[in-house]
Amino acid sequence: MKKTLILGASTNPARYSYLVANKLVRKGHPIVNVGRKVGKVAGVEIEPMGTPHEDIDTITLYVGPQNQAPYFDYILKTHPKRVVFNPGTENPVLLEKLQENGIEGVEACTLVMLNTGQY
């Protein structure tokens, strides 16, 4: 199972990050929720950006490109195997930084990947 950090986690059931958190947990993937607001999603507390995690396989992004710059160092220090740029989060600057650091950047929809067995 791929431990996944959801960057932009939300307690709002209408948000894709909320749907993904629940789908990942149902499929047995451990998750870490990182977001700005306090709360729980899929039984896991949302934590603020802080000390980078060391055991993350995938970061799935739910933060728009205009708001991503403060997260660049955090993402790079977490050093996941891949970062999924969900629709609307695509960012060529971050993608280049990932590639320079040996991290795969994937432009895809995490929900679709989970539903089609591509995750």
PDB file of N, CA and C in Angstrom:
ATOM      1  N   MET A   1       0.823  -1.175   0.000  1.00  0.00           N
ATOM      2  CA  MET A   1       0.000   0.000   0.000  1.00  0.00           C
ATOM      3  C   MET A   1       0.873   1.246   0.000  1.00  0.00           C
ATOM      4  N   LYS A   2       0.403   2.267  -0.693  1.00  0.00           N
ATOM      5  CA  LYS A   2       1.182   3.487  -0.871  1.00  0.00           C
ATOM      6  C   LYS A   2       0.750   4.558   0.128  1.00  0.00           C
ATOM      7  N   LYS A   3       1.644   4.896   1.061  1.00  0.00           N
ATOM      8  CA  LYS A   3       1.335   5.954   2.017  1.00  0.00           C
ATOM      9  C   LYS A   3       1.267   7.269   1.255  1.00  0.00           C
ATOM     10  N   THR A   4       0.143   7.946   1.409  1.00  0.00           N
ATOM     11  CA  THR A   4      -0.149   9.133   0.610  1.00  0.00           C
ATOM     12  C   THR A   4      -0.369  10.347   1.487  1.00  0.00           C
ATOM     13  N   LEU A   5       0.292  11.443   1.134  1.00  0.00           N
ATOM     14  CA  LEU A   5       0.091  12.723   1.789  1.00  0.00           C
ATOM     15  C   LEU A   5      -0.842  13.541   0.913  1.00  0.00           C
ATOM     16  N   ILE A   6      -1.964  13.951   1.480  1.00  0.00           N
ATOM     17  CA  ILE A   6      -2.946  14.760   0.769  1.00  0.00           C
ATOM     18  C   ILE A   6      -2.679  16.218   1.126  1.00  0.00           C
ATOM     19  N   LEU A   7      -2.120  16.956   0.179  1.00  0.00           N
ATOM     20  CA  LEU A   7      -1.767  18.355   0.410  1.00  0.00           C
ATOM     21  C   LEU A   7      -2.923  19.231  -0.059  1.00  0.00           C
ATOM     22  N   GLY A   8      -3.579  19.862   0.916  1.00  0.00           N
ATOM     23  CA  GLY A   8      -4.792  20.626   0.637  1.00  0.00           C
ATOM     24  C   GLY A   8      -6.006  19.866   1.145  1.00  0.00           C
ATOM     25  N   ALA A   9      -5.800  19.052   2.180  1.00  0.00           N
ATOM     26  CA  ALA A   9      -6.894  18.270   2.759  1.00  0.00           C
ATOM     27  C   ALA A   9      -7.996  19.191   3.271  1.00  0.00           C
ATOM     28  N   SER A  10      -9.237  18.714   3.154  1.00  0.00           N
ATOM     29  CA  SER A  10     -10.391  19.521   3.553  1.00  0.00           C
ATOM     30  C   SER A  10     -11.446  18.633   4.221  1.00  0.00           C
ATOM     31  N   THR A  11     -12.148  19.214   5.189  1.00  0.00           N
ATOM     32  CA  THR A  11     -13.252  18.508   5.840  1.00  0.00           C
ATOM     33  C   THR A  11     -14.562  18.679   5.069  1.00  0.00           C
ATOM     34  N   ASN A  12     -14.529  19.424   3.980  1.00  0.00           N
ATOM     35  CA  ASN A  12     -15.727  19.680   3.173  1.00  0.00           C
ATOM     36  C   ASN A  12     -16.003  18.470   2.280  1.00  0.00           C
ATOM     37  N   PRO A  13     -17.132  17.757   2.492  1.00  0.00           N
ATOM     38  CA  PRO A  13     -17.438  16.555   1.706  1.00  0.00           C
ATOM     39  C   PRO A  13     -17.589  16.810   0.205  1.00  0.00           C
ATOM     40  N   ALA A  14     -17.736  18.065  -0.214  1.00  0.00           N
ATOM     41  CA  ALA A  14     -17.863  18.386  -1.636  1.00  0.00           C
ATOM     42  C   ALA A  14     -16.497  18.525  -2.315  1.00  0.00           C
ATOM     43  N   ARG A  15     -15.417  18.543  -1.538  1.00  0.00           N
ATOM     44  CA  ARG A  15     -14.064  18.715  -2.097  1.00  0.00           C
ATOM     45  C   ARG A  15     -13.479  17.371  -2.537  1.00  0.00           C
ATOM     46  N   TYR A  16     -12.742  17.412  -3.632  1.00  0.00           N
ATOM     47  CA  TYR A  16     -12.119  16.188  -4.129  1.00  0.00           C
ATOM     48  C   TYR A  16     -11.107  15.631  -3.147  1.00  0.00           C
ATOM     49  N   SER A  17     -10.401  16.491  -2.424  1.00  0.00           N
ATOM     50  CA  SER A  17      -9.428  15.991  -1.451  1.00  0.00           C
ATOM     51  C   SER A  17     -10.116  15.157  -0.374  1.00  0.00           C
ATOM     52  N   TYR A  18     -11.318  15.533   0.003  1.00  0.00           N
ATOM     53  CA  TYR A  18     -12.106  14.781   0.985  1.00  0.00           C
ATOM     54  C   TYR A  18     -12.471  13.410   0.416  1.00  0.00           C
ATOM     55  N   LEU A  19     -12.958  13.399  -0.828  1.00  0.00           N
ATOM     56  CA  LEU A  19     -13.335  12.144  -1.479  1.00  0.00           C
ATOM     57  C   LEU A  19     -12.138  11.210  -1.625  1.00  0.00           C
ATOM     58  N   VAL A  20     -11.003  11.771  -2.006  1.00  0.00           N
ATOM     59  CA  VAL A  20      -9.797  10.963  -2.182  1.00  0.00           C
ATOM     60  C   VAL A  20      -9.331  10.376  -0.853  1.00  0.00           C
ATOM     61  N   ALA A  21      -9.353  11.169   0.207  1.00  0.00           N
ATOM     62  CA  ALA A  21      -8.927  10.670   1.516  1.00  0.00           C
ATOM     63  C   ALA A  21      -9.738   9.439   1.903  1.00  0.00           C
ATOM     64  N   ASN A  22     -11.041   9.535   1.759  1.00  0.00           N
ATOM     65  CA  ASN A  22     -11.908   8.423   2.116  1.00  0.00           C
ATOM     66  C   ASN A  22     -11.704   7.216   1.211  1.00  0.00           C
ATOM     67  N   LYS A  23     -11.512   7.447  -0.073  1.00  0.00           N
ATOM     68  CA  LYS A  23     -11.293   6.354  -1.032  1.00  0.00           C
ATOM     69  C   LYS A  23      -9.965   5.651  -0.740  1.00  0.00           C
ATOM     70  N   LEU A  24      -8.917   6.424  -0.466  1.00  0.00           N
ATOM     71  CA  LEU A  24      -7.614   5.831  -0.145  1.00  0.00           C
ATOM     72  C   LEU A  24      -7.705   4.937   1.090  1.00  0.00           C
ATOM     73  N   VAL A  25      -8.359   5.441   2.139  1.00  0.00           N
ATOM     74  CA  VAL A  25      -8.492   4.669   3.377  1.00  0.00           C
ATOM     75  C   VAL A  25      -9.311   3.397   3.128  1.00  0.00           C
ATOM     76  N   ARG A  26     -10.409   3.509   2.372  1.00  0.00           N
ATOM     77  CA  ARG A  26     -11.227   2.323   2.056  1.00  0.00           C
ATOM     78  C   ARG A  26     -10.417   1.272   1.307  1.00  0.00           C
ATOM     79  N   LYS A  27      -9.476   1.722   0.490  1.00  0.00           N
ATOM     80  CA  LYS A  27      -8.652   0.788  -0.282  1.00  0.00           C
ATOM     81  C   LYS A  27      -7.414   0.323   0.481  1.00  0.00           C
ATOM     82  N   GLY A  28      -7.287   0.771   1.736  1.00  0.00           N
ATOM     83  CA  GLY A  28      -6.204   0.289   2.589  1.00  0.00           C
ATOM     84  C   GLY A  28      -4.911   1.084   2.547  1.00  0.00           C
ATOM     85  N   HIS A  29      -4.912   2.240   1.872  1.00  0.00           N
ATOM     86  CA  HIS A  29      -3.713   3.089   1.820  1.00  0.00           C
ATOM     87  C   HIS A  29      -3.664   3.976   3.060  1.00  0.00           C
ATOM     88  N   PRO A  30      -2.541   3.997   3.784  1.00  0.00           N
ATOM     89  CA  PRO A  30      -2.414   4.939   4.896  1.00  0.00           C
ATOM     90  C   PRO A  30      -2.287   6.362   4.342  1.00  0.00           C
ATOM     91  N   ILE A  31      -2.862   7.325   5.067  1.00  0.00           N
ATOM     92  CA  ILE A  31      -2.827   8.713   4.590  1.00  0.00           C
ATOM     93  C   ILE A  31      -2.306   9.656   5.666  1.00  0.00           C
ATOM     94  N   VAL A  32      -1.815  10.799   5.183  1.00  0.00           N
ATOM     95  CA  VAL A  32      -1.468  11.940   6.018  1.00  0.00           C
ATOM     96  C   VAL A  32      -2.216  13.113   5.400  1.00  0.00           C
ATOM     97  N   ASN A  33      -3.003  13.811   6.205  1.00  0.00           N
ATOM     98  CA  ASN A  33      -3.741  14.984   5.741  1.00  0.00           C
ATOM     99  C   ASN A  33      -2.984  16.241   6.145  1.00  0.00           C
ATOM    100  N   VAL A  34      -2.680  17.094   5.170  1.00  0.00           N
ATOM    101  CA  VAL A  34      -2.033  18.373   5.452  1.00  0.00           C
ATOM    102  C   VAL A  34      -2.920  19.465   4.861  1.00  0.00           C
ATOM    103  N   GLY A  35      -3.271  20.429   5.697  1.00  0.00           N
ATOM    104  CA  GLY A  35      -4.136  21.506   5.233  1.00  0.00           C
ATOM    105  C   GLY A  35      -4.090  22.683   6.178  1.00  0.00           C
ATOM    106  N   ARG A  36      -4.877  23.695   5.851  1.00  0.00           N
ATOM    107  CA  ARG A  36      -4.885  24.926   6.642  1.00  0.00           C
ATOM    108  C   ARG A  36      -5.895  24.894   7.776  1.00  0.00           C
ATOM    109  N   LYS A  37      -6.943  24.100   7.642  1.00  0.00           N
ATOM    110  CA  LYS A  37      -8.000  24.089   8.651  1.00  0.00           C
ATOM    111  C   LYS A  37      -7.896  22.863   9.540  1.00  0.00           C
ATOM    112  N   VAL A  38      -8.364  23.000  10.762  1.00  0.00           N
ATOM    113  CA  VAL A  38      -8.342  21.917  11.734  1.00  0.00           C
ATOM    114  C   VAL A  38      -9.526  20.988  11.485  1.00  0.00           C
ATOM    115  N   GLY A  39      -9.325  19.706  11.725  1.00  0.00           N
ATOM    116  CA  GLY A  39     -10.411  18.750  11.594  1.00  0.00           C
ATOM    117  C   GLY A  39      -9.879  17.375  11.260  1.00  0.00           C
ATOM    118  N   LYS A  40     -10.802  16.470  10.983  1.00  0.00           N
ATOM    119  CA  LYS A  40     -10.451  15.096  10.628  1.00  0.00           C
ATOM    120  C   LYS A  40     -11.090  14.751   9.302  1.00  0.00           C
ATOM    121  N   VAL A  41     -10.365  13.978   8.514  1.00  0.00           N
ATOM    122  CA  VAL A  41     -10.895  13.447   7.264  1.00  0.00           C
ATOM    123  C   VAL A  41     -10.536  11.973   7.226  1.00  0.00           C
ATOM    124  N   ALA A  42     -11.513  11.139   6.975  1.00  0.00           N
ATOM    125  CA  ALA A  42     -11.317   9.688   6.907  1.00  0.00           C
ATOM    126  C   ALA A  42     -10.670   9.162   8.191  1.00  0.00           C
ATOM    127  N   GLY A  43     -11.017   9.789   9.319  1.00  0.00           N
ATOM    128  CA  GLY A  43     -10.499   9.355  10.608  1.00  0.00           C
ATOM    129  C   GLY A  43      -9.090   9.818  10.925  1.00  0.00           C
ATOM    130  N   VAL A  44      -8.516  10.671  10.079  1.00  0.00           N
ATOM    131  CA  VAL A  44      -7.143  11.145  10.253  1.00  0.00           C
ATOM    132  C   VAL A  44      -7.157  12.666  10.409  1.00  0.00           C
ATOM    133  N   GLU A  45      -6.494  13.157  11.466  1.00  0.00           N
ATOM    134  CA  GLU A  45      -6.410  14.597  11.711  1.00  0.00           C
ATOM    135  C   GLU A  45      -5.739  15.320  10.541  1.00  0.00           C
ATOM    136  N   ILE A  46      -6.202  16.538  10.278  1.00  0.00           N
ATOM    137  CA  ILE A  46      -5.523  17.412   9.318  1.00  0.00           C
ATOM    138  C   ILE A  46      -4.444  18.138  10.107  1.00  0.00           C
ATOM    139  N   GLU A  47      -3.232  18.044   9.640  1.00  0.00           N
ATOM    140  CA  GLU A  47      -2.120  18.712  10.316  1.00  0.00           C
ATOM    141  C   GLU A  47      -1.631  19.881   9.465  1.00  0.00           C
ATOM    142  N   PRO A  48      -1.056  20.894  10.104  1.00  0.00           N
ATOM    143  CA  PRO A  48      -0.471  21.993   9.331  1.00  0.00           C
ATOM    144  C   PRO A  48       0.850  21.532   8.715  1.00  0.00           C
ATOM    145  N   MET A  49       1.283  22.265   7.705  1.00  0.00           N
ATOM    146  CA  MET A  49       2.593  21.970   7.136  1.00  0.00           C
ATOM    147  C   MET A  49       3.625  22.171   8.234  1.00  0.00           C
ATOM    148  N   GLY A  50       4.456  21.178   8.443  1.00  0.00           N
ATOM    149  CA  GLY A  50       5.457  21.258   9.501  1.00  0.00           C
ATOM    150  C   GLY A  50       6.680  20.459   9.101  1.00  0.00           C
ATOM    151  N   THR A  51       7.114  19.602  10.003  1.00  0.00           N
ATOM    152  CA  THR A  51       8.258  18.752   9.722  1.00  0.00           C
ATOM    153  C   THR A  51       7.907  17.805   8.581  1.00  0.00           C
ATOM    154  N   PRO A  52       8.745  17.734   7.545  1.00  0.00           N
ATOM    155  CA  PRO A  52       8.456  16.833   6.438  1.00  0.00           C
ATOM    156  C   PRO A  52       8.418  15.366   6.893  1.00  0.00           C
ATOM    157  N   HIS A  53       7.525  14.625   6.288  1.00  0.00           N
ATOM    158  CA  HIS A  53       7.434  13.190   6.551  1.00  0.00           C
ATOM    159  C   HIS A  53       8.520  12.468   5.763  1.00  0.00           C
ATOM    160  N   GLU A  54       8.951  11.321   6.252  1.00  0.00           N
ATOM    161  CA  GLU A  54      10.044  10.606   5.597  1.00  0.00           C
ATOM    162  C   GLU A  54       9.606   9.327   4.898  1.00  0.00           C
ATOM    163  N   ASP A  55       8.354   8.931   5.053  1.00  0.00           N
ATOM    164  CA  ASP A  55       7.927   7.632   4.540  1.00  0.00           C
ATOM    165  C   ASP A  55       6.763   7.740   3.554  1.00  0.00           C
ATOM    166  N   ILE A  56       6.714   8.812   2.788  1.00  0.00           N
ATOM    167  CA  ILE A  56       5.602   9.063   1.872  1.00  0.00           C
ATOM    168  C   ILE A  56       5.938   8.539   0.479  1.00  0.00           C
ATOM    169  N   ASP A  57       5.036   7.744  -0.071  1.00  0.00           N
ATOM    170  CA  ASP A  57       5.189   7.271  -1.445  1.00  0.00           C
ATOM    171  C   ASP A  57       4.689   8.331  -2.429  1.00  0.00           C
ATOM    172  N   THR A  58       3.502   8.888  -2.137  1.00  0.00           N
ATOM    173  CA  THR A  58       2.847   9.798  -3.068  1.00  0.00           C
ATOM    174  C   THR A  58       2.314  11.024  -2.337  1.00  0.00           C
ATOM    175  N   ILE A  59       2.526  12.190  -2.943  1.00  0.00           N
ATOM    176  CA  ILE A  59       1.819  13.404  -2.516  1.00  0.00           C
ATOM    177  C   ILE A  59       0.801  13.695  -3.595  1.00  0.00           C
ATOM    178  N   THR A  60      -0.452  13.854  -3.208  1.00  0.00           N
ATOM    179  CA  THR A  60      -1.488  14.237  -4.159  1.00  0.00           C
ATOM    180  C   THR A  60      -1.889  15.675  -3.851  1.00  0.00           C
ATOM    181  N   LEU A  61      -1.777  16.532  -4.859  1.00  0.00           N
ATOM    182  CA  LEU A  61      -1.947  17.983  -4.678  1.00  0.00           C
ATOM    183  C   LEU A  61      -3.377  18.445  -4.899  1.00  0.00           C
ATOM    184  N   TYR A  62      -3.869  19.220  -3.945  1.00  0.00           N
ATOM    185  CA  TYR A  62      -5.158  19.904  -4.060  1.00  0.00           C
ATOM    186  C   TYR A  62      -4.975  21.368  -3.690  1.00  0.00           C
ATOM    187  N   VAL A  63      -3.858  21.939  -4.094  1.00  0.00           N
ATOM    188  CA  VAL A  63      -3.539  23.345  -3.874  1.00  0.00           C
ATOM    189  C   VAL A  63      -3.228  23.931  -5.245  1.00  0.00           C
ATOM    190  N   GLY A  64      -3.888  25.021  -5.602  1.00  0.00           N
ATOM    191  CA  GLY A  64      -3.681  25.642  -6.907  1.00  0.00           C
ATOM    192  C   GLY A  64      -2.263  26.161  -7.072  1.00  0.00           C
ATOM    193  N   PRO A  65      -1.798  26.267  -8.314  1.00  0.00           N
ATOM    194  CA  PRO A  65      -0.419  26.695  -8.566  1.00  0.00           C
ATOM    195  C   PRO A  65      -0.083  28.054  -7.966  1.00  0.00           C
ATOM    196  N   GLN A  66      -1.044  28.947  -7.883  1.00  0.00           N
ATOM    197  CA  GLN A  66      -0.808  30.276  -7.323  1.00  0.00           C
ATOM    198  C   GLN A  66      -0.525  30.229  -5.820  1.00  0.00           C
ATOM    199  N   ASN A  67      -0.842  29.117  -5.170  1.00  0.00           N
ATOM    200  CA  ASN A  67      -0.631  28.977  -3.725  1.00  0.00           C
ATOM    201  C   ASN A  67       0.402  27.913  -3.352  1.00  0.00           C
ATOM    202  N   GLN A  68       1.099  27.364  -4.328  1.00  0.00           N
ATOM    203  CA  GLN A  68       2.001  26.240  -4.070  1.00  0.00           C
ATOM    204  C   GLN A  68       3.392  26.635  -3.600  1.00  0.00           C
ATOM    205  N   ALA A  69       3.876  27.815  -3.952  1.00  0.00           N
ATOM    206  CA  ALA A  69       5.267  28.182  -3.650  1.00  0.00           C
ATOM    207  C   ALA A  69       5.670  27.952  -2.193  1.00  0.00           C
ATOM    208  N   PRO A  70       4.830  28.282  -1.199  1.00  0.00           N
ATOM    209  CA  PRO A  70       5.237  28.040   0.189  1.00  0.00           C
ATOM    210  C   PRO A  70       5.435  26.552   0.525  1.00  0.00           C
ATOM    211  N   TYR A  71       4.922  25.674  -0.324  1.00  0.00           N
ATOM    212  CA  TYR A  71       5.018  24.234  -0.076  1.00  0.00           C
ATOM    213  C   TYR A  71       6.202  23.572  -0.794  1.00  0.00           C
ATOM    214  N   PHE A  72       6.871  24.280  -1.681  1.00  0.00           N
ATOM    215  CA  PHE A  72       7.937  23.676  -2.490  1.00  0.00           C
ATOM    216  C   PHE A  72       8.976  22.959  -1.627  1.00  0.00           C
ATOM    217  N   ASP A  73       9.569  23.660  -0.663  1.00  0.00           N
ATOM    218  CA  ASP A  73      10.611  23.043   0.174  1.00  0.00           C
ATOM    219  C   ASP A  73      10.065  21.852   0.948  1.00  0.00           C
ATOM    220  N   TYR A  74       8.856  21.987   1.473  1.00  0.00           N
ATOM    221  CA  TYR A  74       8.221  20.905   2.225  1.00  0.00           C
ATOM    222  C   TYR A  74       8.078  19.656   1.355  1.00  0.00           C
ATOM    223  N   ILE A  75       7.603  19.847   0.127  1.00  0.00           N
ATOM    224  CA  ILE A  75       7.433  18.719  -0.800  1.00  0.00           C
ATOM    225  C   ILE A  75       8.780  18.084  -1.109  1.00  0.00           C
ATOM    226  N   LEU A  76       9.768  18.916  -1.428  1.00  0.00           N
ATOM    227  CA  LEU A  76      11.085  18.394  -1.793  1.00  0.00           C
ATOM    228  C   LEU A  76      11.754  17.679  -0.618  1.00  0.00           C
ATOM    229  N   LYS A  77      11.609  18.209   0.595  1.00  0.00           N
ATOM    230  CA  LYS A  77      12.212  17.567   1.769  1.00  0.00           C
ATOM    231  C   LYS A  77      11.475  16.289   2.159  1.00  0.00           C
ATOM    232  N   THR A  78      10.190  16.216   1.858  1.00  0.00           N
ATOM    233  CA  THR A  78       9.434  14.982   2.088  1.00  0.00           C
ATOM    234  C   THR A  78       9.936  13.897   1.136  1.00  0.00           C
ATOM    235  N   HIS A  79      10.361  14.295  -0.031  1.00  0.00           N
ATOM    236  CA  HIS A  79      10.938  13.437  -1.069  1.00  0.00           C
ATOM    237  C   HIS A  79      10.104  12.173  -1.336  1.00  0.00           C
ATOM    238  N   PRO A  80       8.867  12.388  -1.809  1.00  0.00           N
ATOM    239  CA  PRO A  80       8.049  11.237  -2.179  1.00  0.00           C
ATOM    240  C   PRO A  80       8.572  10.622  -3.470  1.00  0.00           C
ATOM    241  N   LYS A  81       8.071   9.448  -3.816  1.00  0.00           N
ATOM    242  CA  LYS A  81       8.419   8.846  -5.107  1.00  0.00           C
ATOM    243  C   LYS A  81       7.754   9.620  -6.239  1.00  0.00           C
ATOM    244  N   ARG A  82       6.524  10.118  -5.958  1.00  0.00           N
ATOM    245  CA  ARG A  82       5.801  10.861  -7.001  1.00  0.00           C
ATOM    246  C   ARG A  82       4.895  11.908  -6.382  1.00  0.00           C
ATOM    247  N   VAL A  83       4.553  12.886  -7.221  1.00  0.00           N
ATOM    248  CA  VAL A  83       3.582  13.917  -6.869  1.00  0.00           C
ATOM    249  C   VAL A  83       2.525  13.905  -7.962  1.00  0.00           C
ATOM    250  N   VAL A  84       1.269  13.770  -7.552  1.00  0.00           N
ATOM    251  CA  VAL A  84       0.161  13.793  -8.508  1.00  0.00           C
ATOM    252  C   VAL A  84      -0.411  15.207  -8.550  1.00  0.00           C
ATOM    253  N   PHE A  85      -0.346  15.807  -9.735  1.00  0.00           N
ATOM    254  CA  PHE A  85      -0.944  17.116  -9.976  1.00  0.00           C
ATOM    255  C   PHE A  85      -2.380  16.872 -10.442  1.00  0.00           C
ATOM    256  N   ASN A  86      -3.334  17.017  -9.536  1.00  0.00           N
ATOM    257  CA  ASN A  86      -4.732  16.844  -9.902  1.00  0.00           C
ATOM    258  C   ASN A  86      -5.167  18.005 -10.789  1.00  0.00           C
ATOM    259  N   PRO A  87      -6.264  17.842 -11.559  1.00  0.00           N
ATOM    260  CA  PRO A  87      -6.698  18.914 -12.456  1.00  0.00           C
ATOM    261  C   PRO A  87      -6.797  20.258 -11.734  1.00  0.00           C
ATOM    262  N   GLY A  88      -6.173  21.265 -12.345  1.00  0.00           N
ATOM    263  CA  GLY A  88      -6.161  22.612 -11.779  1.00  0.00           C
ATOM    264  C   GLY A  88      -4.959  22.901 -10.900  1.00  0.00           C
ATOM    265  N   THR A  89      -4.114  21.891 -10.656  1.00  0.00           N
ATOM    266  CA  THR A  89      -2.931  22.099  -9.810  1.00  0.00           C
ATOM    267  C   THR A  89      -1.632  22.025 -10.606  1.00  0.00           C
ATOM    268  N   GLU A  90      -1.727  21.829 -11.903  1.00  0.00           N
ATOM    269  CA  GLU A  90      -0.540  21.687 -12.747  1.00  0.00           C
ATOM    270  C   GLU A  90       0.357  22.919 -12.600  1.00  0.00           C
ATOM    271  N   ASN A  91       1.672  22.673 -12.485  1.00  0.00           N
ATOM    272  CA  ASN A  91       2.613  23.764 -12.254  1.00  0.00           C
ATOM    273  C   ASN A  91       3.972  23.392 -12.833  1.00  0.00           C
ATOM    274  N   PRO A  92       4.346  23.979 -13.985  1.00  0.00           N
ATOM    275  CA  PRO A  92       5.618  23.627 -14.615  1.00  0.00           C
ATOM    276  C   PRO A  92       6.840  23.959 -13.754  1.00  0.00           C
ATOM    277  N   VAL A  93       6.758  24.983 -12.923  1.00  0.00           N
ATOM    278  CA  VAL A  93       7.889  25.348 -12.059  1.00  0.00           C
ATOM    279  C   VAL A  93       8.125  24.249 -11.030  1.00  0.00           C
ATOM    280  N   LEU A  94       7.064  23.802 -10.365  1.00  0.00           N
ATOM    281  CA  LEU A  94       7.194  22.728  -9.387  1.00  0.00           C
ATOM    282  C   LEU A  94       7.589  21.424 -10.065  1.00  0.00           C
ATOM    283  N   LEU A  95       7.016  21.146 -11.216  1.00  0.00           N
ATOM    284  CA  LEU A  95       7.356  19.924 -11.948  1.00  0.00           C
ATOM    285  C   LEU A  95       8.854  19.868 -12.248  1.00  0.00           C
ATOM    286  N   GLU A  96       9.427  20.981 -12.669  1.00  0.00           N
ATOM    287  CA  GLU A  96      10.861  21.033 -12.955  1.00  0.00           C
ATOM    288  C   GLU A  96      11.679  20.781 -11.687  1.00  0.00           C
ATOM    289  N   LYS A  97      11.273  21.379 -10.582  1.00  0.00           N
ATOM    290  CA  LYS A  97      11.982  21.169  -9.303  1.00  0.00           C
ATOM    291  C   LYS A  97      11.916  19.695  -8.886  1.00  0.00           C
ATOM    292  N   LEU A  98      10.763  19.079  -9.097  1.00  0.00           N
ATOM    293  CA  LEU A  98      10.619  17.658  -8.764  1.00  0.00           C
ATOM    294  C   LEU A  98      11.588  16.826  -9.593  1.00  0.00           C
ATOM    295  N   GLN A  99      11.591  17.059 -10.904  1.00  0.00           N
ATOM    296  CA  GLN A  99      12.453  16.301 -11.801  1.00  0.00           C
ATOM    297  C   GLN A  99      13.921  16.475 -11.441  1.00  0.00           C
ATOM    298  N   GLU A 100      14.324  17.686 -11.071  1.00  0.00           N
ATOM    299  CA  GLU A 100      15.714  17.949 -10.665  1.00  0.00           C
ATOM    300  C   GLU A 100      16.097  17.170  -9.416  1.00  0.00           C
ATOM    301  N   ASN A 101      15.094  16.781  -8.623  1.00  0.00           N
ATOM    302  CA  ASN A 101      15.334  16.063  -7.378  1.00  0.00           C
ATOM    303  C   ASN A 101      14.954  14.584  -7.463  1.00  0.00           C
ATOM    304  N   GLY A 102      14.766  14.082  -8.671  1.00  0.00           N
ATOM    305  CA  GLY A 102      14.488  12.666  -8.858  1.00  0.00           C
ATOM    306  C   GLY A 102      13.110  12.215  -8.404  1.00  0.00           C
ATOM    307  N   ILE A 103      12.149  13.139  -8.424  1.00  0.00           N
ATOM    308  CA  ILE A 103      10.777  12.827  -8.021  1.00  0.00           C
ATOM    309  C   ILE A 103       9.897  12.880  -9.264  1.00  0.00           C
ATOM    310  N   GLU A 104       9.086  11.847  -9.435  1.00  0.00           N
ATOM    311  CA  GLU A 104       8.193  11.787 -10.589  1.00  0.00           C
ATOM    312  C   GLU A 104       7.016  12.732 -10.394  1.00  0.00           C
ATOM    313  N   GLY A 105       6.688  13.504 -11.407  1.00  0.00           N
ATOM    314  CA  GLY A 105       5.498  14.352 -11.406  1.00  0.00           C
ATOM    315  C   GLY A 105       4.499  13.784 -12.387  1.00  0.00           C
ATOM    316  N   VAL A 106       3.265  13.599 -11.949  1.00  0.00           N
ATOM    317  CA  VAL A 106       2.225  12.991 -12.779  1.00  0.00           C
ATOM    318  C   VAL A 106       1.034  13.938 -12.844  1.00  0.00           C
ATOM    319  N   GLU A 107       0.627  14.303 -14.047  1.00  0.00           N
ATOM    320  CA  GLU A 107      -0.579  15.109 -14.211  1.00  0.00           C
ATOM    321  C   GLU A 107      -1.735  14.146 -14.434  1.00  0.00           C
ATOM    322  N   ALA A 108      -2.545  13.960 -13.407  1.00  0.00           N
ATOM    323  CA  ALA A 108      -3.634  12.987 -13.453  1.00  0.00           C
ATOM    324  C   ALA A 108      -4.633  13.325 -12.363  1.00  0.00           C
ATOM    325  N   CYS A 109      -5.691  12.546 -12.304  1.00  0.00           N
ATOM    326  CA  CYS A 109      -6.697  12.686 -11.268  1.00  0.00           C
ATOM    327  C   CYS A 109      -6.588  11.473 -10.344  1.00  0.00           C
ATOM    328  N   THR A 110      -6.287  11.713  -9.086  1.00  0.00           N
ATOM    329  CA  THR A 110      -6.111  10.623  -8.135  1.00  0.00           C
ATOM    330  C   THR A 110      -7.373   9.767  -8.040  1.00  0.00           C
ATOM    331  N   LEU A 111      -8.545  10.383  -8.056  1.00  0.00           N
ATOM    332  CA  LEU A 111      -9.791   9.605  -7.998  1.00  0.00           C
ATOM    333  C   LEU A 111      -9.906   8.657  -9.186  1.00  0.00           C
ATOM    334  N   VAL A 112      -9.611   9.148 -10.373  1.00  0.00           N
ATOM    335  CA  VAL A 112      -9.672   8.301 -11.565  1.00  0.00           C
ATOM    336  C   VAL A 112      -8.639   7.186 -11.461  1.00  0.00           C
ATOM    337  N   MET A 113      -7.431   7.516 -11.010  1.00  0.00           N
ATOM    338  CA  MET A 113      -6.395   6.503 -10.860  1.00  0.00           C
ATOM    339  C   MET A 113      -6.852   5.395  -9.889  1.00  0.00           C
ATOM    340  N   LEU A 114      -7.472   5.785  -8.790  1.00  0.00           N
ATOM    341  CA  LEU A 114      -7.963   4.807  -7.821  1.00  0.00           C
ATOM    342  C   LEU A 114      -9.104   3.968  -8.402  1.00  0.00           C
ATOM    343  N   ASN A 115     -10.011   4.599  -9.138  1.00  0.00           N
ATOM    344  CA  ASN A 115     -11.170   3.899  -9.703  1.00  0.00           C
ATOM    345  C   ASN A 115     -10.800   2.946 -10.834  1.00  0.00           C
ATOM    346  N   THR A 116      -9.671   3.195 -11.485  1.00  0.00           N
ATOM    347  CA  THR A 116      -9.291   2.372 -12.633  1.00  0.00           C
ATOM    348  C   THR A 116      -8.132   1.433 -12.331  1.00  0.00           C
ATOM    349  N   GLY A 117      -7.704   1.375 -11.077  1.00  0.00           N
ATOM    350  CA  GLY A 117      -6.618   0.471 -10.694  1.00  0.00           C
ATOM    351  C   GLY A 117      -5.245   0.938 -11.123  1.00  0.00           C
ATOM    352  N   GLN A 118      -5.077   2.222 -11.443  1.00  0.00           N
ATOM    353  CA  GLN A 118      -3.793   2.748 -11.884  1.00  0.00           C
ATOM    354  C   GLN A 118      -3.003   3.381 -10.759  1.00  0.00           C
ATOM    355  N   TYR A 119      -3.541   3.349  -9.532  1.00  0.00           N
ATOM    356  CA  TYR A 119      -2.876   3.999  -8.427  1.00  0.00           C
ATOM    357  C   TYR A 119      -1.739   3.127  -7.916  1.00  0.00           C
TER     358      TYR A 119
END
